[in-house]
PDB file of N, CA and C in Angstrom:
ATOM      1  N   MET A   1     -32.557 -41.699 -48.338  1.00  0.00           N
ATOM      2  CA  MET A   1     -31.982 -42.993 -48.032  1.00  0.00           C
ATOM      3  C   MET A   1     -32.700 -43.574 -46.828  1.00  0.00           C
ATOM      4  N   ASP A   2     -33.136 -44.798 -46.958  1.00  0.00           N
ATOM      5  CA  ASP A   2     -33.856 -45.449 -45.880  1.00  0.00           C
ATOM      6  C   ASP A   2     -32.873 -46.217 -44.994  1.00  0.00           C
ATOM      7  N   ILE A   3     -32.804 -45.827 -43.731  1.00  0.00           N
ATOM      8  CA  ILE A   3     -31.914 -46.470 -42.765  1.00  0.00           C
ATOM      9  C   ILE A   3     -32.724 -47.510 -41.994  1.00  0.00           C
ATOM     10  N   THR A   4     -32.168 -48.692 -41.849  1.00  0.00           N
ATOM     11  CA  THR A   4     -32.834 -49.758 -41.110  1.00  0.00           C
ATOM     12  C   THR A   4     -31.966 -50.195 -39.924  1.00  0.00           C
ATOM     13  N   LYS A   5     -32.542 -51.009 -39.068  1.00  0.00           N
ATOM     14  CA  LYS A   5     -31.780 -51.537 -37.931  1.00  0.00           C
ATOM     15  C   LYS A   5     -30.609 -52.381 -38.424  1.00  0.00           C
ATOM     16  N   LYS A   6     -30.807 -53.032 -39.561  1.00  0.00           N
ATOM     17  CA  LYS A   6     -29.724 -53.832 -40.127  1.00  0.00           C
ATOM     18  C   LYS A   6     -28.527 -52.941 -40.494  1.00  0.00           C
ATOM     19  N   ASP A   7     -28.801 -51.734 -41.010  1.00  0.00           N
ATOM     20  CA  ASP A   7     -27.731 -50.786 -41.328  1.00  0.00           C
ATOM     21  C   ASP A   7     -26.981 -50.370 -40.067  1.00  0.00           C
ATOM     22  N   VAL A   8     -27.728 -50.151 -38.995  1.00  0.00           N
ATOM     23  CA  VAL A   8     -27.119 -49.765 -37.719  1.00  0.00           C
ATOM     24  C   VAL A   8     -26.250 -50.900 -37.195  1.00  0.00           C
ATOM     25  N   GLU A   9     -26.754 -52.120 -37.302  1.00  0.00           N
ATOM     26  CA  GLU A   9     -25.979 -53.278 -36.849  1.00  0.00           C
ATOM     27  C   GLU A   9     -24.700 -53.431 -37.662  1.00  0.00           C
ATOM     28  N   LEU A  10     -24.781 -53.204 -38.970  1.00  0.00           N
ATOM     29  CA  LEU A  10     -23.602 -53.287 -39.818  1.00  0.00           C
ATOM     30  C   LEU A  10     -22.586 -52.208 -39.452  1.00  0.00           C
ATOM     31  N   ALA A  11     -23.071 -50.985 -39.219  1.00  0.00           N
ATOM     32  CA  ALA A  11     -22.169 -49.901 -38.820  1.00  0.00           C
ATOM     33  C   ALA A  11     -21.498 -50.233 -37.494  1.00  0.00           C
ATOM     34  N   GLY A  12     -22.252 -50.801 -36.567  1.00  0.00           N
ATOM     35  CA  GLY A  12     -21.684 -51.196 -35.283  1.00  0.00           C
ATOM     36  C   GLY A  12     -20.632 -52.279 -35.455  1.00  0.00           C
ATOM     37  N   LYS A  13     -20.918 -53.232 -36.329  1.00  0.00           N
ATOM     38  CA  LYS A  13     -19.955 -54.304 -36.584  1.00  0.00           C
ATOM     39  C   LYS A  13     -18.667 -53.746 -37.186  1.00  0.00           C
ATOM     40  N   LEU A  14     -18.806 -52.818 -38.135  1.00  0.00           N
ATOM     41  CA  LEU A  14     -17.625 -52.212 -38.753  1.00  0.00           C
ATOM     42  C   LEU A  14     -16.804 -51.406 -37.748  1.00  0.00           C
ATOM     43  N   ALA A  15     -17.491 -50.831 -36.761  1.00  0.00           N
ATOM     44  CA  ALA A  15     -16.807 -50.040 -35.729  1.00  0.00           C
ATOM     45  C   ALA A  15     -16.387 -50.893 -34.540  1.00  0.00           C
ATOM     46  N   HIS A  16     -16.611 -52.216 -34.643  1.00  0.00           N
ATOM     47  CA  HIS A  16     -16.294 -53.139 -33.549  1.00  0.00           C
ATOM     48  C   HIS A  16     -17.000 -52.729 -32.259  1.00  0.00           C
ATOM     49  N   MET A  17     -18.292 -52.375 -32.392  1.00  0.00           N
ATOM     50  CA  MET A  17     -19.098 -51.973 -31.247  1.00  0.00           C
ATOM     51  C   MET A  17     -20.251 -52.950 -31.067  1.00  0.00           C
ATOM     52  N   HIS A  18     -20.535 -53.304 -29.836  1.00  0.00           N
ATOM     53  CA  HIS A  18     -21.737 -54.090 -29.554  1.00  0.00           C
ATOM     54  C   HIS A  18     -22.865 -53.087 -29.336  1.00  0.00           C
ATOM     55  N   ILE A  19     -23.927 -53.218 -30.120  1.00  0.00           N
ATOM     56  CA  ILE A  19     -25.052 -52.298 -30.018  1.00  0.00           C
ATOM     57  C   ILE A  19     -26.270 -53.073 -29.540  1.00  0.00           C
ATOM     58  N   SER A  20     -26.816 -52.625 -28.414  1.00  0.00           N
ATOM     59  CA  SER A  20     -28.002 -53.289 -27.866  1.00  0.00           C
ATOM     60  C   SER A  20     -29.227 -52.944 -28.715  1.00  0.00           C
ATOM     61  N   GLU A  21     -30.320 -53.649 -28.479  1.00  0.00           N
ATOM     62  CA  GLU A  21     -31.567 -53.406 -29.216  1.00  0.00           C
ATOM     63  C   GLU A  21     -32.062 -51.981 -28.963  1.00  0.00           C
ATOM     64  N   GLU A  22     -31.941 -51.522 -27.723  1.00  0.00           N
ATOM     65  CA  GLU A  22     -32.362 -50.163 -27.369  1.00  0.00           C
ATOM     66  C   GLU A  22     -31.499 -49.120 -28.088  1.00  0.00           C
ATOM     67  N   GLU A  23     -30.188 -49.339 -28.084  1.00  0.00           N
ATOM     68  CA  GLU A  23     -29.283 -48.415 -28.771  1.00  0.00           C
ATOM     69  C   GLU A  23     -29.530 -48.434 -30.273  1.00  0.00           C
ATOM     70  N   SER A  24     -29.831 -49.601 -30.805  1.00  0.00           N
ATOM     71  CA  SER A  24     -30.080 -49.731 -32.235  1.00  0.00           C
ATOM     72  C   SER A  24     -31.234 -48.840 -32.673  1.00  0.00           C
ATOM     73  N   SER A  25     -32.299 -48.826 -31.886  1.00  0.00           N
ATOM     74  CA  SER A  25     -33.454 -47.977 -32.213  1.00  0.00           C
ATOM     75  C   SER A  25     -33.082 -46.506 -32.148  1.00  0.00           C
ATOM     76  N   LEU A  26     -32.330 -46.127 -31.126  1.00  0.00           N
ATOM     77  CA  LEU A  26     -31.902 -44.738 -30.971  1.00  0.00           C
ATOM     78  C   LEU A  26     -31.010 -44.313 -32.130  1.00  0.00           C
ATOM     79  N   TYR A  27     -30.006 -45.132 -32.457  1.00  0.00           N
ATOM     80  CA  TYR A  27     -29.086 -44.797 -33.529  1.00  0.00           C
ATOM     81  C   TYR A  27     -29.781 -44.778 -34.889  1.00  0.00           C
ATOM     82  N   GLU A  28     -30.761 -45.648 -35.045  1.00  0.00           N
ATOM     83  CA  GLU A  28     -31.513 -45.675 -36.303  1.00  0.00           C
ATOM     84  C   GLU A  28     -32.201 -44.325 -36.527  1.00  0.00           C
ATOM     85  N   GLU A  29     -32.861 -43.822 -35.494  1.00  0.00           N
ATOM     86  CA  GLU A  29     -33.546 -42.529 -35.601  1.00  0.00           C
ATOM     87  C   GLU A  29     -32.557 -41.392 -35.835  1.00  0.00           C
ATOM     88  N   GLN A  30     -31.414 -41.443 -35.142  1.00  0.00           N
ATOM     89  CA  GLN A  30     -30.409 -40.395 -35.306  1.00  0.00           C
ATOM     90  C   GLN A  30     -29.821 -40.409 -36.717  1.00  0.00           C
ATOM     91  N   LEU A  31     -29.540 -41.591 -37.238  1.00  0.00           N
ATOM     92  CA  LEU A  31     -29.000 -41.683 -38.592  1.00  0.00           C
ATOM     93  C   LEU A  31     -30.022 -41.232 -39.634  1.00  0.00           C
ATOM     94  N   LYS A  32     -31.290 -41.574 -39.421  1.00  0.00           N
ATOM     95  CA  LYS A  32     -32.336 -41.109 -40.334  1.00  0.00           C
ATOM     96  C   LYS A  32     -32.375 -39.588 -40.348  1.00  0.00           C
ATOM     97  N   ALA A  33     -32.329 -38.974 -39.170  1.00  0.00           N
ATOM     98  CA  ALA A  33     -32.351 -37.508 -39.079  1.00  0.00           C
ATOM     99  C   ALA A  33     -31.139 -36.902 -39.778  1.00  0.00           C
ATOM    100  N   LEU A  34     -29.979 -37.507 -39.584  1.00  0.00           N
ATOM    101  CA  LEU A  34     -28.757 -37.007 -40.217  1.00  0.00           C
ATOM    102  C   LEU A  34     -28.857 -37.081 -41.737  1.00  0.00           C
ATOM    103  N   PHE A  35     -29.274 -38.235 -42.263  1.00  0.00           N
ATOM    104  CA  PHE A  35     -29.368 -38.383 -43.709  1.00  0.00           C
ATOM    105  C   PHE A  35     -30.468 -37.503 -44.294  1.00  0.00           C
ATOM    106  N   ASN A  36     -31.556 -37.271 -43.561  1.00  0.00           N
ATOM    107  CA  ASN A  36     -32.586 -36.344 -44.021  1.00  0.00           C
ATOM    108  C   ASN A  36     -32.041 -34.931 -44.117  1.00  0.00           C
ATOM    109  N   TRP A  37     -31.226 -34.546 -43.143  1.00  0.00           N
ATOM    110  CA  TRP A  37     -30.619 -33.219 -43.145  1.00  0.00           C
ATOM    111  C   TRP A  37     -29.670 -33.062 -44.338  1.00  0.00           C
ATOM    112  N   VAL A  38     -28.871 -34.104 -44.595  1.00  0.00           N
ATOM    113  CA  VAL A  38     -27.962 -34.072 -45.744  1.00  0.00           C
ATOM    114  C   VAL A  38     -28.760 -33.967 -47.032  1.00  0.00           C
ATOM    115  N   GLN A  39     -29.886 -34.662 -47.116  1.00  0.00           N
ATOM    116  CA  GLN A  39     -30.731 -34.602 -48.298  1.00  0.00           C
ATOM    117  C   GLN A  39     -31.300 -33.188 -48.478  1.00  0.00           C
ATOM    118  N   GLU A  40     -31.684 -32.548 -47.371  1.00  0.00           N
ATOM    119  CA  GLU A  40     -32.163 -31.162 -47.450  1.00  0.00           C
ATOM    120  C   GLU A  40     -31.064 -30.242 -47.970  1.00  0.00           C
ATOM    121  N   LEU A  41     -29.853 -30.426 -47.473  1.00  0.00           N
ATOM    122  CA  LEU A  41     -28.740 -29.599 -47.929  1.00  0.00           C
ATOM    123  C   LEU A  41     -28.463 -29.812 -49.414  1.00  0.00           C
ATOM    124  N   SER A  42     -28.596 -31.050 -49.874  1.00  0.00           N
ATOM    125  CA  SER A  42     -28.355 -31.365 -51.275  1.00  0.00           C
ATOM    126  C   SER A  42     -29.364 -30.677 -52.185  1.00  0.00           C
ATOM    127  N   ALA A  43     -30.532 -30.381 -51.661  1.00  0.00           N
ATOM    128  CA  ALA A  43     -31.585 -29.762 -52.462  1.00  0.00           C
ATOM    129  C   ALA A  43     -31.375 -28.255 -52.632  1.00  0.00           C
ATOM    130  N   VAL A  44     -30.468 -27.671 -51.874  1.00  0.00           N
ATOM    131  CA  VAL A  44     -30.232 -26.228 -51.955  1.00  0.00           C
ATOM    132  C   VAL A  44     -29.549 -25.899 -53.274  1.00  0.00           C
ATOM    133  N   ASN A  45     -30.069 -24.904 -53.967  1.00  0.00           N
ATOM    134  CA  ASN A  45     -29.500 -24.472 -55.237  1.00  0.00           C
ATOM    135  C   ASN A  45     -28.271 -23.605 -54.961  1.00  0.00           C
ATOM    136  N   THR A  46     -27.123 -24.066 -55.393  1.00  0.00           N
ATOM    137  CA  THR A  46     -25.878 -23.319 -55.175  1.00  0.00           C
ATOM    138  C   THR A  46     -25.318 -22.759 -56.477  1.00  0.00           C
ATOM    139  N   ASP A  47     -26.131 -22.749 -57.532  1.00  0.00           N
ATOM    140  CA  ASP A  47     -25.683 -22.159 -58.795  1.00  0.00           C
ATOM    141  C   ASP A  47     -25.335 -20.696 -58.570  1.00  0.00           C
ATOM    142  N   GLY A  48     -24.223 -20.276 -59.086  1.00  0.00           N
ATOM    143  CA  GLY A  48     -23.811 -18.889 -58.964  1.00  0.00           C
ATOM    144  C   GLY A  48     -23.108 -18.557 -57.661  1.00  0.00           C
ATOM    145  N   VAL A  49     -22.998 -19.517 -56.768  1.00  0.00           N
ATOM    146  CA  VAL A  49     -22.288 -19.275 -55.512  1.00  0.00           C
ATOM    147  C   VAL A  49     -20.811 -19.534 -55.755  1.00  0.00           C
ATOM    148  N   THR A  50     -19.991 -18.548 -55.416  1.00  0.00           N
ATOM    149  CA  THR A  50     -18.558 -18.712 -55.638  1.00  0.00           C
ATOM    150  C   THR A  50     -17.879 -19.169 -54.350  1.00  0.00           C
ATOM    151  N   LEU A  51     -16.851 -19.946 -54.529  1.00  0.00           N
ATOM    152  CA  LEU A  51     -16.075 -20.449 -53.407  1.00  0.00           C
ATOM    153  C   LEU A  51     -15.277 -19.304 -52.809  1.00  0.00           C
ATOM    154  N   THR A  52     -15.373 -19.122 -51.495  1.00  0.00           N
ATOM    155  CA  THR A  52     -14.664 -18.015 -50.855  1.00  0.00           C
ATOM    156  C   THR A  52     -13.387 -18.457 -50.166  1.00  0.00           C
ATOM    157  N   GLN A  53     -13.293 -19.705 -49.765  1.00  0.00           N
ATOM    158  CA  GLN A  53     -12.094 -20.199 -49.088  1.00  0.00           C
ATOM    159  C   GLN A  53     -11.395 -21.177 -50.017  1.00  0.00           C
ATOM    160  N   THR A  54     -10.316 -20.719 -50.633  1.00  0.00           N
ATOM    161  CA  THR A  54      -9.618 -21.582 -51.580  1.00  0.00           C
ATOM    162  C   THR A  54      -8.224 -21.957 -51.121  1.00  0.00           C
ATOM    163  N   ASP A  55      -7.761 -21.402 -50.013  1.00  0.00           N
ATOM    164  CA  ASP A  55      -6.424 -21.706 -49.521  1.00  0.00           C
ATOM    165  C   ASP A  55      -6.495 -22.900 -48.583  1.00  0.00           C
ATOM    166  N   LEU A  56      -6.541 -24.103 -49.162  1.00  0.00           N
ATOM    167  CA  LEU A  56      -6.641 -25.304 -48.352  1.00  0.00           C
ATOM    168  C   LEU A  56      -5.365 -25.591 -47.585  1.00  0.00           C
ATOM    169  N   ALA A  57      -4.259 -25.004 -47.986  1.00  0.00           N
ATOM    170  CA  ALA A  57      -2.996 -25.206 -47.278  1.00  0.00           C
ATOM    171  C   ALA A  57      -3.068 -24.658 -45.855  1.00  0.00           C
ATOM    172  N   ALA A  58      -4.000 -23.770 -45.593  1.00  0.00           N
ATOM    173  CA  ALA A  58      -4.143 -23.206 -44.255  1.00  0.00           C
ATOM    174  C   ALA A  58      -4.586 -24.263 -43.253  1.00  0.00           C
ATOM    175  N   PHE A  59      -5.127 -25.386 -43.726  1.00  0.00           N
ATOM    176  CA  PHE A  59      -5.640 -26.419 -42.846  1.00  0.00           C
ATOM    177  C   PHE A  59      -4.710 -27.625 -42.752  1.00  0.00           C
ATOM    178  N   VAL A  60      -3.530 -27.522 -43.318  1.00  0.00           N
ATOM    179  CA  VAL A  60      -2.590 -28.634 -43.318  1.00  0.00           C
ATOM    180  C   VAL A  60      -1.492 -28.353 -42.308  1.00  0.00           C
ATOM    181  N   ARG A  61      -1.267 -29.299 -41.427  1.00  0.00           N
ATOM    182  CA  ARG A  61      -0.207 -29.148 -40.427  1.00  0.00           C
ATOM    183  C   ARG A  61       1.112 -29.547 -41.059  1.00  0.00           C
ATOM    184  N   SER A  62       2.113 -28.731 -40.867  1.00  0.00           N
ATOM    185  CA  SER A  62       3.419 -29.082 -41.408  1.00  0.00           C
ATOM    186  C   SER A  62       3.986 -30.264 -40.628  1.00  0.00           C
ATOM    187  N   ASP A  63       4.716 -31.111 -41.310  1.00  0.00           N
ATOM    188  CA  ASP A  63       5.271 -32.306 -40.698  1.00  0.00           C
ATOM    189  C   ASP A  63       6.669 -31.971 -40.194  1.00  0.00           C
ATOM    190  N   VAL A  64       6.750 -31.656 -38.914  1.00  0.00           N
ATOM    191  CA  VAL A  64       8.035 -31.285 -38.326  1.00  0.00           C
ATOM    192  C   VAL A  64       8.390 -32.300 -37.243  1.00  0.00           C
ATOM    193  N   PRO A  65       9.669 -32.573 -37.073  1.00  0.00           N
ATOM    194  CA  PRO A  65      10.076 -33.535 -36.047  1.00  0.00           C
ATOM    195  C   PRO A  65       9.738 -33.033 -34.644  1.00  0.00           C
ATOM    196  N   VAL A  66       9.499 -33.968 -33.739  1.00  0.00           N
ATOM    197  CA  VAL A  66       9.213 -33.630 -32.353  1.00  0.00           C
ATOM    198  C   VAL A  66      10.503 -33.156 -31.699  1.00  0.00           C
ATOM    199  N   GLU A  67      10.416 -32.071 -30.966  1.00  0.00           N
ATOM    200  CA  GLU A  67      11.601 -31.560 -30.288  1.00  0.00           C
ATOM    201  C   GLU A  67      11.744 -32.125 -28.883  1.00  0.00           C
ATOM    202  N   ASN A  68      10.655 -32.557 -28.285  1.00  0.00           N
ATOM    203  CA  ASN A  68      10.682 -33.099 -26.938  1.00  0.00           C
ATOM    204  C   ASN A  68      10.726 -34.624 -27.051  1.00  0.00           C
ATOM    205  N   GLU A  69      11.919 -35.179 -27.101  1.00  0.00           N
ATOM    206  CA  GLU A  69      12.087 -36.622 -27.321  1.00  0.00           C
ATOM    207  C   GLU A  69      11.485 -37.447 -26.182  1.00  0.00           C
ATOM    208  N   ALA A  70      11.529 -36.942 -24.952  1.00  0.00           N
ATOM    209  CA  ALA A  70      10.950 -37.679 -23.824  1.00  0.00           C
ATOM    210  C   ALA A  70       9.438 -37.824 -23.999  1.00  0.00           C
ATOM    211  N   LEU A  71       8.779 -36.764 -24.438  1.00  0.00           N
ATOM    212  CA  LEU A  71       7.338 -36.825 -24.679  1.00  0.00           C
ATOM    213  C   LEU A  71       7.038 -37.760 -25.848  1.00  0.00           C
ATOM    214  N   ALA A  72       7.845 -37.704 -26.893  1.00  0.00           N
ATOM    215  CA  ALA A  72       7.644 -38.577 -28.050  1.00  0.00           C
ATOM    216  C   ALA A  72       7.755 -40.040 -27.633  1.00  0.00           C
ATOM    217  N   GLN A  73       8.737 -40.365 -26.810  1.00  0.00           N
ATOM    218  CA  GLN A  73       8.910 -41.742 -26.354  1.00  0.00           C
ATOM    219  C   GLN A  73       7.747 -42.176 -25.472  1.00  0.00           C
ATOM    220  N   GLU A  74       7.283 -41.266 -24.622  1.00  0.00           N
ATOM    221  CA  GLU A  74       6.139 -41.581 -23.761  1.00  0.00           C
ATOM    222  C   GLU A  74       4.899 -41.893 -24.603  1.00  0.00           C
ATOM    223  N   LEU A  75       4.676 -41.133 -25.657  1.00  0.00           N
ATOM    224  CA  LEU A  75       3.539 -41.383 -26.542  1.00  0.00           C
ATOM    225  C   LEU A  75       3.707 -42.701 -27.293  1.00  0.00           C
ATOM    226  N   ARG A  76       4.920 -42.992 -27.746  1.00  0.00           N
ATOM    227  CA  ARG A  76       5.166 -44.259 -28.453  1.00  0.00           C
ATOM    228  C   ARG A  76       4.951 -45.451 -27.533  1.00  0.00           C
ATOM    229  N   ASN A  77       5.256 -45.297 -26.247  1.00  0.00           N
ATOM    230  CA  ASN A  77       5.094 -46.387 -25.290  1.00  0.00           C
ATOM    231  C   ASN A  77       3.634 -46.786 -25.108  1.00  0.00           C
ATOM    232  N   ASP A  78       2.712 -45.897 -25.467  1.00  0.00           N
ATOM    233  CA  ASP A  78       1.286 -46.211 -25.359  1.00  0.00           C
ATOM    234  C   ASP A  78       0.837 -47.217 -26.413  1.00  0.00           C
ATOM    235  N   PHE A  79       1.664 -47.468 -27.412  1.00  0.00           N
ATOM    236  CA  PHE A  79       1.323 -48.407 -28.477  1.00  0.00           C
ATOM    237  C   PHE A  79       2.130 -49.686 -28.295  1.00  0.00           C
ATOM    238  N   ALA A  80       1.451 -50.804 -28.378  1.00  0.00           N
ATOM    239  CA  ALA A  80       2.120 -52.089 -28.181  1.00  0.00           C
ATOM    240  C   ALA A  80       3.087 -52.384 -29.324  1.00  0.00           C
ATOM    241  N   ALA A  81       2.675 -52.098 -30.537  1.00  0.00           N
ATOM    242  CA  ALA A  81       3.509 -52.407 -31.702  1.00  0.00           C
ATOM    243  C   ALA A  81       4.167 -51.131 -32.219  1.00  0.00           C
ATOM    244  N   GLN A  82       5.453 -51.259 -32.535  1.00  0.00           N
ATOM    245  CA  GLN A  82       6.197 -50.128 -33.096  1.00  0.00           C
ATOM    246  C   GLN A  82       7.042 -50.611 -34.254  1.00  0.00           C
ATOM    247  N   GLU A  83       7.297 -49.713 -35.172  1.00  0.00           N
ATOM    248  CA  GLU A  83       8.146 -50.026 -36.314  1.00  0.00           C
ATOM    249  C   GLU A  83       8.854 -48.751 -36.738  1.00  0.00           C
ATOM    250  N   ASN A  84      10.157 -48.801 -36.864  1.00  0.00           N
ATOM    251  CA  ASN A  84      10.956 -47.636 -37.253  1.00  0.00           C
ATOM    252  C   ASN A  84      10.675 -46.424 -36.368  1.00  0.00           C
ATOM    253  N   ALA A  85      10.595 -46.642 -35.051  1.00  0.00           N
ATOM    254  CA  ALA A  85      10.357 -45.583 -34.060  1.00  0.00           C
ATOM    255  C   ALA A  85       9.008 -44.895 -34.246  1.00  0.00           C
ATOM    256  N   CYS A  86       8.057 -45.593 -34.865  1.00  0.00           N
ATOM    257  CA  CYS A  86       6.710 -45.058 -35.060  1.00  0.00           C
ATOM    258  C   CYS A  86       5.697 -46.044 -34.491  1.00  0.00           C
ATOM    259  N   ALA A  87       4.574 -45.516 -34.043  1.00  0.00           N
ATOM    260  CA  ALA A  87       3.499 -46.373 -33.550  1.00  0.00           C
ATOM    261  C   ALA A  87       2.899 -47.121 -34.739  1.00  0.00           C
ATOM    262  N   LYS A  88       2.710 -48.405 -34.580  1.00  0.00           N
ATOM    263  CA  LYS A  88       2.126 -49.222 -35.643  1.00  0.00           C
ATOM    264  C   LYS A  88       0.675 -49.488 -35.291  1.00  0.00           C
ATOM    265  N   VAL A  89      -0.226 -49.126 -36.194  1.00  0.00           N
ATOM    266  CA  VAL A  89      -1.660 -49.276 -35.958  1.00  0.00           C
ATOM    267  C   VAL A  89      -2.275 -50.164 -37.024  1.00  0.00           C
ATOM    268  N   LYS A  90      -3.488 -50.632 -36.759  1.00  0.00           N
ATOM    269  CA  LYS A  90      -4.181 -51.473 -37.728  1.00  0.00           C
ATOM    270  C   LYS A  90      -4.538 -50.662 -38.972  1.00  0.00           C
ATOM    271  N   LYS A  91      -4.586 -51.354 -40.100  1.00  0.00           N
ATOM    272  CA  LYS A  91      -4.958 -50.715 -41.348  1.00  0.00           C
ATOM    273  C   LYS A  91      -6.414 -50.304 -41.299  1.00  0.00           C
ATOM    274  N   VAL A  92      -6.704 -49.078 -41.775  1.00  0.00           N
ATOM    275  CA  VAL A  92      -8.072 -48.592 -41.854  1.00  0.00           C
ATOM    276  C   VAL A  92      -8.488 -48.644 -43.305  1.00  0.00           C
ATOM    277  N   LEU A  93      -9.576 -49.356 -43.561  1.00  0.00           N
ATOM    278  CA  LEU A  93     -10.048 -49.489 -44.936  1.00  0.00           C
ATOM    279  C   LEU A  93     -11.068 -48.446 -45.250  1.00  0.00           C
TER     280      LEU A  93
END
């Protein structure tokens, strides 16, 4: 995949970041290196390799209520908008 400065500018715009010309060149090179590495990984033959970690539930945090209500309120106060005692954040597309 060919990464251009225009791609970097678009990524910056999507992240609501102002990227200078100097940063754009740096990020362009870093993104090229990252995508080249991913391409190298994609070329690895994994036929016959069996999955060893299949218990994905081990990585899921259980949804339990907060026991320290004072801490919960302090965290909620950091958000300007709230709804139903929860922090309201912008939609992520």
